[in-house]
Amino acid sequence: QLQLVESGGGSVEPGGSLRLSCAFSGKKNSRFCMGWFRQAPGKQRQGVASISGSGRTNYADSVKGRFTISKDNAENTLNLQMNTLKPEDTAMYYCVAGGGDWHYCPVDLEVADWGQGTQVTVSS
C-alpha cells in the first residue's frame, strides 16, 4: 500500500556515480523489506539491493562493493548510491517494497509495491 517515486537517474560515463532516491508514502503495514530492482530492455527485472526493517542489507553480486542502499524512515526515503558505474548497469531502476522478515530480506524479494522507475544510462 505504499506509493513509491524514484528520482536521480540520468546519464553518466563509465566510472561515474549517481545517487537514486525514492520517496515513499502511505501505510507500510507489514512490508518490512525495501529495495531496488533494475530492468534492461527485453530482460527480466532483477533485484539489485535490499534492506530490512532492522537495516540489514543485501546486494546482488554484480553490484557488491559499488552500490550502497540506505533508508531514512524519518524522512520516508530510500536511497541507492551507485559508484564506479559500468555500461552493464544501464537499466530502468525501480524502488520496491514487500513483505519479509524484520531482520533479513533477500535481494530478489517478493515485491508488493513498485515505483514507476528512473532511467540510468552508462555510456561513453
Protein backbone atom coordinates (compact mmCIF):
# COMPACT_ATOMS: atom_id res chain seq x y z
CA GLN A 1 0.00 0.00 0.00
CA LEU A 2 3.00 2.25 -0.46
CA GLN A 3 3.38 4.85 -3.16
CA LEU A 4 6.96 5.00 -4.41
CA VAL A 5 8.50 7.74 -6.53
CA GLU A 6 12.06 7.46 -7.80
CA SER A 7 14.39 10.26 -8.79
CA GLY A 8 18.06 10.83 -9.50
CA GLY A 9 18.52 8.84 -12.68
CA GLY A 10 20.47 10.18 -15.62
CA SER A 11 23.35 9.61 -18.00
CA VAL A 12 26.94 9.21 -16.84
CA GLU A 13 30.23 7.99 -18.24
CA PRO A 14 31.73 4.69 -17.09
CA GLY A 15 33.31 5.10 -13.68
CA GLY A 16 30.90 7.83 -12.71
CA SER A 17 28.43 7.93 -9.84
CA LEU A 18 24.74 8.51 -9.34
CA ARG A 19 22.54 8.60 -6.28
CA LEU A 20 18.98 7.40 -6.68
CA SER A 21 16.30 8.41 -4.23
CA CYS A 22 12.85 7.03 -3.55
CA ALA A 23 10.17 8.91 -1.69
CA PHE A 24 7.54 6.66 -0.17
CA SER A 25 4.16 7.42 1.31
CA GLY A 26 1.12 5.55 2.55
CA LYS A 27 0.80 2.74 5.04
CA LYS A 28 3.78 0.45 5.21
CA ASN A 29 1.86 -2.28 7.06
CA SER A 30 3.95 -5.46 7.19
CA ARG A 31 6.20 -4.55 4.24
CA PHE A 32 9.41 -4.76 6.21
CA CYS A 33 11.59 -5.11 3.11
CA MET A 34 12.51 -2.37 0.70
CA GLY A 35 14.93 -2.37 -2.15
CA TRP A 36 15.87 -1.65 -5.72
CA PHE A 37 15.29 -3.69 -8.86
CA ARG A 38 16.51 -2.94 -12.35
CA GLN A 39 15.43 -3.96 -15.83
CA ALA A 40 17.23 -3.66 -19.13
CA PRO A 41 15.20 -3.72 -22.38
CA GLY A 42 13.97 -7.23 -23.13
CA LYS A 43 15.20 -8.56 -19.79
CA GLN A 44 13.51 -9.56 -16.57
CA ARG A 45 13.52 -7.26 -13.61
CA GLN A 46 16.26 -8.31 -11.22
CA GLY A 47 16.91 -7.44 -7.63
CA VAL A 48 19.86 -5.15 -7.03
CA ALA A 49 19.80 -4.42 -3.32
CA SER A 50 17.51 -4.80 -0.34
CA ILE A 51 17.27 -3.52 3.20
CA SER A 52 15.33 -4.99 6.09
CA GLY A 53 13.30 -3.25 8.74
CA SER A 54 16.26 -3.50 11.08
CA GLY A 55 18.64 -2.07 8.47
CA ARG A 56 20.36 -5.25 7.31
CA THR A 57 21.39 -5.00 3.67
CA ASN A 58 21.92 -7.46 0.83
CA TYR A 59 23.32 -6.92 -2.66
CA ALA A 60 23.46 -8.69 -5.96
CA ASP A 61 26.96 -9.97 -6.65
CA SER A 62 27.22 -7.76 -9.72
CA VAL A 63 26.95 -4.56 -7.66
CA LYS A 64 28.51 -5.60 -4.37
CA GLY A 65 31.21 -3.17 -3.33
CA ARG A 66 29.97 -0.49 -5.72
CA PHE A 67 26.38 0.19 -4.64
CA THR A 68 25.10 1.12 -1.20
CA ILE A 69 21.45 1.02 -0.16
CA SER A 70 20.19 3.09 2.75
CA LYS A 71 16.93 4.38 4.16
CA ASP A 72 15.70 7.16 6.36
CA ASN A 73 12.35 6.28 7.88
CA ALA A 74 12.01 9.70 9.45
CA GLU A 75 12.30 11.30 6.02
CA ASN A 76 10.43 8.49 4.23
CA THR A 77 13.21 7.98 1.73
CA LEU A 78 15.15 5.07 0.29
CA ASN A 79 18.45 5.69 -1.45
CA LEU A 80 20.87 3.87 -3.70
CA GLN A 81 24.38 5.25 -4.03
CA MET A 82 25.94 3.88 -7.21
CA ASN A 83 29.68 4.25 -7.71
CA THR A 84 32.10 3.13 -10.42
CA LEU A 85 29.21 2.64 -12.79
CA LYS A 86 29.62 0.29 -15.73
CA PRO A 87 27.78 0.12 -19.07
CA GLU A 88 26.12 -3.09 -17.90
CA ASP A 89 24.47 -1.10 -15.12
CA THR A 90 22.34 0.63 -17.75
CA ALA A 91 18.70 -0.10 -16.93
CA MET A 92 15.48 1.26 -15.56
CA TYR A 93 15.76 1.23 -11.79
CA TYR A 94 12.71 0.63 -9.62
CA CYS A 95 12.14 1.30 -5.96
CA VAL A 96 10.21 -1.57 -4.37
CA ALA A 97 8.61 -2.65 -1.13
CA GLY A 98 7.49 -6.07 0.00
CA GLY A 99 6.84 -8.40 2.86
CA GLY A 100 9.56 -10.11 4.73
CA ASP A 101 11.41 -10.51 7.95
CA TRP A 102 12.25 -7.57 10.17
CA HIS A 103 15.85 -8.76 10.27
CA TYR A 104 16.51 -10.12 6.79
CA CYS A 105 15.42 -9.51 3.22
CA PRO A 106 16.68 -11.28 0.11
CA VAL A 107 17.81 -9.32 -2.93
CA ASP A 108 15.07 -10.92 -5.01
CA LEU A 109 12.33 -10.10 -2.55
CA GLU A 110 8.65 -10.68 -3.21
CA VAL A 111 7.54 -7.26 -4.35
CA ALA A 112 4.18 -5.82 -3.34
CA ASP A 113 4.67 -2.22 -4.45
CA TRP A 114 6.58 -0.80 -7.43
CA GLY A 115 7.68 2.67 -8.32
CA GLN A 116 7.48 3.92 -11.89
CA GLY A 117 11.21 3.72 -12.39
CA THR A 118 14.07 6.05 -13.20
CA GLN A 119 16.43 5.54 -16.12
CA VAL A 120 20.16 5.08 -15.61
CA THR A 121 22.38 5.14 -18.68
CA VAL A 122 26.12 4.50 -18.50
CA SER A 123 27.98 5.11 -21.74
CA SER A 124 30.97 6.90 -23.19
